[in-house]
Amino acid sequence: MSSREKESPKGGVVLQSRTQRKTQKPRMYRVLLHNDDYTPMDFVVRLLQTVFRKTESDATAIMLHVHNHGVGVAGVYTHEIAETKVAQVHMLARQNDCPLVASMEPEDDPDAER
């Protein structure tokens, strides 16, 4: 008798129903770049191309958005990947003597700044 089968009190077999579990999509996080007055624009474009795999035109558009608005979204990832991207930005910025700052925030946070 399988684990899903039980004997009924009257001698028959009763099948237990299986509880189906739905897998949930992981919570997504925005990786944000913050503007400063010292990090060269071309460094930010190269960083967006290498760390975030953006095309040159997309990287330039994001960099200009960050420059004009103070903060911009570099990408949206799961928590662990977003943490890694933020760490990569900080590591490359420090290696190049730039004060560039990245942060992450939950994507579904309605009170978050963009």
N, C-alpha and C. Protein backbone atom coordinates (compact mmCIF):
# COMPACT_ATOMS: atom_id res chain seq x y z
N MET A 1 0.85 -1.17 0.00
CA MET A 1 0.00 0.00 0.00
C MET A 1 0.90 1.23 0.00
N SER A 2 0.60 2.19 -0.87
CA SER A 2 1.43 3.38 -0.94
C SER A 2 1.12 4.31 0.22
N SER A 3 1.98 5.33 0.39
CA SER A 3 1.82 6.27 1.50
C SER A 3 0.58 7.13 1.34
N ARG A 4 0.04 7.21 0.12
CA ARG A 4 -1.16 8.02 -0.12
C ARG A 4 -2.44 7.23 0.13
N GLU A 5 -2.31 5.93 0.32
CA GLU A 5 -3.49 5.09 0.50
C GLU A 5 -3.65 4.72 1.97
N LYS A 6 -4.89 4.63 2.40
CA LYS A 6 -5.20 4.16 3.75
C LYS A 6 -6.35 3.16 3.64
N GLU A 7 -6.38 2.24 4.56
CA GLU A 7 -7.51 1.32 4.56
C GLU A 7 -8.67 1.99 5.27
N SER A 8 -9.84 1.85 4.66
CA SER A 8 -11.03 2.39 5.31
C SER A 8 -11.52 1.37 6.33
N PRO A 9 -12.33 1.81 7.30
CA PRO A 9 -12.83 0.90 8.31
C PRO A 9 -13.66 -0.25 7.72
N LYS A 10 -14.20 -0.08 6.53
CA LYS A 10 -15.03 -1.12 5.92
C LYS A 10 -14.23 -1.99 4.97
N GLY A 11 -12.90 -1.90 4.98
CA GLY A 11 -12.06 -2.77 4.17
C GLY A 11 -11.69 -2.23 2.81
N GLY A 12 -12.21 -1.08 2.39
CA GLY A 12 -11.86 -0.51 1.11
C GLY A 12 -10.60 0.35 1.22
N VAL A 13 -10.19 0.92 0.14
CA VAL A 13 -9.01 1.79 0.11
C VAL A 13 -9.47 3.23 -0.09
N VAL A 14 -8.95 4.13 0.73
CA VAL A 14 -9.26 5.56 0.63
C VAL A 14 -7.99 6.27 0.18
N LEU A 15 -8.08 7.09 -0.85
CA LEU A 15 -6.92 7.87 -1.30
C LEU A 15 -6.96 9.23 -0.64
N GLN A 16 -5.81 9.64 -0.13
CA GLN A 16 -5.70 10.97 0.45
C GLN A 16 -5.41 11.95 -0.68
N SER A 17 -6.00 13.11 -0.59
CA SER A 17 -5.72 14.11 -1.62
C SER A 17 -4.39 14.80 -1.29
N ARG A 18 -3.70 15.16 -2.32
CA ARG A 18 -2.42 15.86 -2.16
C ARG A 18 -2.68 17.35 -2.09
N THR A 19 -2.01 17.99 -1.19
CA THR A 19 -2.09 19.44 -1.11
C THR A 19 -1.11 20.01 -2.12
N GLN A 20 -1.63 20.79 -3.04
CA GLN A 20 -0.74 21.39 -4.03
C GLN A 20 -0.23 22.71 -3.51
N ARG A 21 1.07 22.88 -3.63
CA ARG A 21 1.70 24.12 -3.20
C ARG A 21 2.09 24.92 -4.42
N LYS A 22 1.74 26.18 -4.39
CA LYS A 22 2.15 27.06 -5.47
C LYS A 22 3.48 27.69 -5.10
N THR A 23 4.38 27.67 -6.03
CA THR A 23 5.65 28.35 -5.78
C THR A 23 5.44 29.84 -6.01
N GLN A 24 6.02 30.62 -5.15
CA GLN A 24 5.90 32.07 -5.28
C GLN A 24 7.14 32.62 -5.95
N LYS A 25 6.94 33.66 -6.72
CA LYS A 25 8.08 34.34 -7.31
C LYS A 25 8.85 35.03 -6.19
N PRO A 26 10.18 35.04 -6.30
CA PRO A 26 10.96 35.72 -5.25
C PRO A 26 10.72 37.23 -5.30
N ARG A 27 10.86 37.85 -4.17
CA ARG A 27 10.72 39.30 -4.10
C ARG A 27 11.88 39.93 -4.87
N MET A 28 11.58 40.95 -5.63
CA MET A 28 12.60 41.58 -6.47
C MET A 28 13.03 42.91 -5.83
N TYR A 29 14.29 43.27 -6.12
CA TYR A 29 14.88 44.48 -5.54
C TYR A 29 15.49 45.33 -6.64
N ARG A 30 15.27 46.64 -6.53
CA ARG A 30 15.90 47.60 -7.45
C ARG A 30 17.28 47.94 -6.93
N VAL A 31 18.24 47.93 -7.82
CA VAL A 31 19.58 48.42 -7.49
C VAL A 31 19.64 49.87 -7.97
N LEU A 32 19.91 50.77 -7.04
CA LEU A 32 19.92 52.21 -7.33
C LEU A 32 21.34 52.75 -7.33
N LEU A 33 21.60 53.65 -8.26
CA LEU A 33 22.86 54.40 -8.26
C LEU A 33 22.52 55.82 -7.83
N HIS A 34 23.38 56.38 -6.99
CA HIS A 34 23.15 57.72 -6.45
C HIS A 34 24.17 58.68 -7.02
N ASN A 35 23.71 59.86 -7.40
CA ASN A 35 24.57 60.86 -8.01
C ASN A 35 25.54 61.46 -6.98
N ASP A 36 26.71 61.79 -7.45
CA ASP A 36 27.67 62.56 -6.66
C ASP A 36 28.36 63.51 -7.62
N ASP A 37 29.13 64.45 -7.09
CA ASP A 37 29.76 65.47 -7.92
C ASP A 37 31.16 65.09 -8.38
N TYR A 38 31.61 63.86 -8.08
CA TYR A 38 33.01 63.51 -8.34
C TYR A 38 33.20 62.33 -9.28
N THR A 39 32.28 61.41 -9.32
CA THR A 39 32.44 60.22 -10.17
C THR A 39 32.27 60.62 -11.63
N PRO A 40 33.25 60.33 -12.48
CA PRO A 40 33.15 60.69 -13.90
C PRO A 40 31.99 59.95 -14.58
N MET A 41 31.33 60.62 -15.47
CA MET A 41 30.20 60.04 -16.19
C MET A 41 30.60 58.82 -17.00
N ASP A 42 31.78 58.87 -17.63
CA ASP A 42 32.21 57.73 -18.45
C ASP A 42 32.48 56.50 -17.58
N PHE A 43 32.90 56.70 -16.34
CA PHE A 43 33.09 55.57 -15.42
C PHE A 43 31.74 54.92 -15.11
N VAL A 44 30.71 55.72 -14.89
CA VAL A 44 29.38 55.19 -14.58
C VAL A 44 28.85 54.41 -15.78
N VAL A 45 29.05 54.92 -16.99
CA VAL A 45 28.60 54.22 -18.20
C VAL A 45 29.31 52.87 -18.32
N ARG A 46 30.64 52.86 -18.14
CA ARG A 46 31.39 51.59 -18.22
C ARG A 46 30.93 50.62 -17.14
N LEU A 47 30.69 51.12 -15.95
CA LEU A 47 30.23 50.28 -14.85
C LEU A 47 28.87 49.66 -15.18
N LEU A 48 27.96 50.45 -15.71
CA LEU A 48 26.64 49.93 -16.10
C LEU A 48 26.75 48.88 -17.19
N GLN A 49 27.71 49.05 -18.08
CA GLN A 49 27.92 48.06 -19.14
C GLN A 49 28.50 46.76 -18.60
N THR A 50 29.43 46.85 -17.69
CA THR A 50 30.10 45.64 -17.21
C THR A 50 29.34 44.94 -16.10
N VAL A 51 28.93 45.66 -15.08
CA VAL A 51 28.26 45.04 -13.93
C VAL A 51 26.81 44.70 -14.24
N PHE A 52 26.12 45.59 -14.97
CA PHE A 52 24.69 45.41 -15.19
C PHE A 52 24.35 44.96 -16.61
N ARG A 53 25.37 44.75 -17.44
CA ARG A 53 25.21 44.24 -18.81
C ARG A 53 24.28 45.11 -19.66
N LYS A 54 24.43 46.42 -19.53
CA LYS A 54 23.62 47.36 -20.31
C LYS A 54 24.35 47.69 -21.61
N THR A 55 23.58 48.02 -22.64
CA THR A 55 24.19 48.50 -23.87
C THR A 55 24.73 49.90 -23.62
N GLU A 56 25.56 50.38 -24.50
CA GLU A 56 26.12 51.72 -24.32
C GLU A 56 25.02 52.78 -24.28
N SER A 57 24.03 52.66 -25.15
CA SER A 57 22.95 53.67 -25.16
C SER A 57 22.09 53.58 -23.90
N ASP A 58 21.78 52.36 -23.43
CA ASP A 58 21.01 52.22 -22.19
C ASP A 58 21.81 52.74 -21.00
N ALA A 59 23.10 52.41 -20.96
CA ALA A 59 23.96 52.85 -19.86
C ALA A 59 24.05 54.37 -19.83
N THR A 60 24.16 54.99 -20.99
CA THR A 60 24.22 56.45 -21.07
C THR A 60 22.92 57.07 -20.59
N ALA A 61 21.79 56.49 -20.99
CA ALA A 61 20.48 57.00 -20.57
C ALA A 61 20.32 56.89 -19.05
N ILE A 62 20.73 55.77 -18.47
CA ILE A 62 20.63 55.59 -17.01
C ILE A 62 21.54 56.59 -16.30
N MET A 63 22.77 56.72 -16.80
CA MET A 63 23.72 57.66 -16.19
C MET A 63 23.17 59.08 -16.21
N LEU A 64 22.57 59.50 -17.34
CA LEU A 64 22.01 60.85 -17.42
C LEU A 64 20.81 61.01 -16.48
N HIS A 65 20.02 59.96 -16.34
CA HIS A 65 18.90 60.01 -15.39
C HIS A 65 19.42 60.20 -13.96
N VAL A 66 20.44 59.43 -13.61
CA VAL A 66 21.04 59.56 -12.27
C VAL A 66 21.60 60.97 -12.09
N HIS A 67 22.28 61.47 -13.10
CA HIS A 67 22.88 62.81 -13.04
C HIS A 67 21.82 63.90 -12.86
N ASN A 68 20.72 63.78 -13.59
CA ASN A 68 19.68 64.82 -13.57
C ASN A 68 18.69 64.70 -12.41
N HIS A 69 18.48 63.48 -11.92
CA HIS A 69 17.47 63.27 -10.88
C HIS A 69 18.04 62.86 -9.52
N GLY A 70 19.34 62.63 -9.47
CA GLY A 70 19.97 62.29 -8.19
C GLY A 70 20.04 60.81 -7.88
N VAL A 71 19.17 60.02 -8.49
CA VAL A 71 19.16 58.56 -8.27
C VAL A 71 18.49 57.91 -9.48
N GLY A 72 18.91 56.68 -9.78
CA GLY A 72 18.31 55.96 -10.89
C GLY A 72 18.44 54.47 -10.72
N VAL A 73 17.58 53.74 -11.37
CA VAL A 73 17.55 52.28 -11.28
C VAL A 73 18.53 51.69 -12.30
N ALA A 74 19.49 50.92 -11.79
CA ALA A 74 20.44 50.25 -12.66
C ALA A 74 19.93 48.88 -13.11
N GLY A 75 19.07 48.26 -12.29
CA GLY A 75 18.51 46.96 -12.62
C GLY A 75 17.64 46.44 -11.50
N VAL A 76 16.91 45.37 -11.79
CA VAL A 76 16.01 44.75 -10.82
C VAL A 76 16.37 43.27 -10.74
N TYR A 77 16.64 42.81 -9.51
CA TYR A 77 17.15 41.45 -9.30
C TYR A 77 16.57 40.84 -8.03
N THR A 78 16.82 39.55 -7.86
CA THR A 78 16.48 38.92 -6.58
C THR A 78 17.41 39.48 -5.52
N HIS A 79 17.08 39.25 -4.25
CA HIS A 79 17.82 39.85 -3.14
C HIS A 79 19.32 39.56 -3.21
N GLU A 80 19.69 38.30 -3.38
CA GLU A 80 21.10 37.92 -3.36
C GLU A 80 21.87 38.54 -4.52
N ILE A 81 21.25 38.55 -5.69
CA ILE A 81 21.93 39.14 -6.85
C ILE A 81 22.05 40.65 -6.69
N ALA A 82 21.00 41.28 -6.18
CA ALA A 82 21.05 42.74 -5.95
C ALA A 82 22.16 43.09 -4.96
N GLU A 83 22.28 42.30 -3.88
CA GLU A 83 23.36 42.54 -2.92
C GLU A 83 24.72 42.43 -3.58
N THR A 84 24.88 41.44 -4.44
CA THR A 84 26.15 41.24 -5.14
C THR A 84 26.45 42.41 -6.06
N LYS A 85 25.45 42.89 -6.79
CA LYS A 85 25.64 44.03 -7.70
C LYS A 85 26.05 45.28 -6.92
N VAL A 86 25.39 45.53 -5.79
CA VAL A 86 25.75 46.69 -4.96
C VAL A 86 27.19 46.57 -4.49
N ALA A 87 27.58 45.38 -4.04
CA ALA A 87 28.97 45.17 -3.59
C ALA A 87 29.96 45.37 -4.73
N GLN A 88 29.62 44.91 -5.93
CA GLN A 88 30.50 45.08 -7.09
C GLN A 88 30.67 46.57 -7.42
N VAL A 89 29.58 47.31 -7.38
CA VAL A 89 29.65 48.76 -7.65
C VAL A 89 30.58 49.42 -6.65
N HIS A 90 30.40 49.12 -5.37
CA HIS A 90 31.24 49.75 -4.34
C HIS A 90 32.71 49.35 -4.50
N MET A 91 32.97 48.08 -4.80
CA MET A 91 34.35 47.62 -4.98
C MET A 91 35.02 48.33 -6.16
N LEU A 92 34.32 48.37 -7.31
CA LEU A 92 34.91 49.03 -8.48
C LEU A 92 35.07 50.53 -8.27
N ALA A 93 34.11 51.13 -7.61
CA ALA A 93 34.22 52.57 -7.34
C ALA A 93 35.42 52.86 -6.45
N ARG A 94 35.62 52.08 -5.41
CA ARG A 94 36.76 52.31 -4.50
C ARG A 94 38.09 52.05 -5.22
N GLN A 95 38.12 51.02 -6.06
CA GLN A 95 39.34 50.73 -6.82
C GLN A 95 39.71 51.87 -7.76
N ASN A 96 38.71 52.62 -8.19
CA ASN A 96 38.94 53.74 -9.10
C ASN A 96 38.84 55.09 -8.41
N ASP A 97 38.93 55.08 -7.06
CA ASP A 97 38.89 56.30 -6.25
C ASP A 97 37.68 57.17 -6.54
N CYS A 98 36.52 56.53 -6.69
CA CYS A 98 35.26 57.24 -6.92
C CYS A 98 34.34 57.03 -5.72
N PRO A 99 33.60 58.07 -5.35
CA PRO A 99 32.69 57.94 -4.21
C PRO A 99 31.30 57.42 -4.58
N LEU A 100 31.15 56.81 -5.75
CA LEU A 100 29.85 56.34 -6.21
C LEU A 100 29.20 55.41 -5.19
N VAL A 101 27.91 55.62 -4.95
CA VAL A 101 27.16 54.83 -3.98
C VAL A 101 26.01 54.13 -4.69
N ALA A 102 25.82 52.86 -4.35
CA ALA A 102 24.68 52.08 -4.84
C ALA A 102 23.91 51.59 -3.63
N SER A 103 22.63 51.38 -3.81
CA SER A 103 21.80 50.83 -2.75
C SER A 103 20.76 49.93 -3.39
N MET A 104 19.98 49.25 -2.56
CA MET A 104 18.90 48.42 -3.08
C MET A 104 17.65 48.64 -2.25
N GLU A 105 16.51 48.45 -2.90
CA GLU A 105 15.24 48.59 -2.22
C GLU A 105 14.25 47.61 -2.83
N PRO A 106 13.28 47.16 -2.04
CA PRO A 106 12.28 46.24 -2.59
C PRO A 106 11.52 46.91 -3.74
N GLU A 107 11.26 46.14 -4.78
CA GLU A 107 10.60 46.71 -5.96
C GLU A 107 9.16 47.11 -5.67
N ASP A 108 8.48 46.39 -4.81
CA ASP A 108 7.06 46.65 -4.59
C ASP A 108 6.81 47.63 -3.45
N ASP A 109 7.77 48.41 -3.06
CA ASP A 109 7.62 49.39 -1.99
C ASP A 109 7.02 50.67 -2.57
N PRO A 110 5.74 50.97 -2.29
CA PRO A 110 5.11 52.14 -2.90
C PRO A 110 5.65 53.47 -2.39
N ASP A 111 6.30 53.47 -1.22
CA ASP A 111 6.82 54.72 -0.65
C ASP A 111 8.26 55.00 -1.06
N ALA A 112 8.83 54.12 -1.89
CA ALA A 112 10.24 54.26 -2.25
C ALA A 112 10.43 55.41 -3.24
N GLU A 113 11.59 56.06 -3.09
CA GLU A 113 11.97 57.12 -4.04
C GLU A 113 12.57 56.49 -5.26
N ARG A 114 12.43 57.19 -6.37
CA ARG A 114 13.05 56.69 -7.61
C ARG A 114 14.06 57.66 -8.10
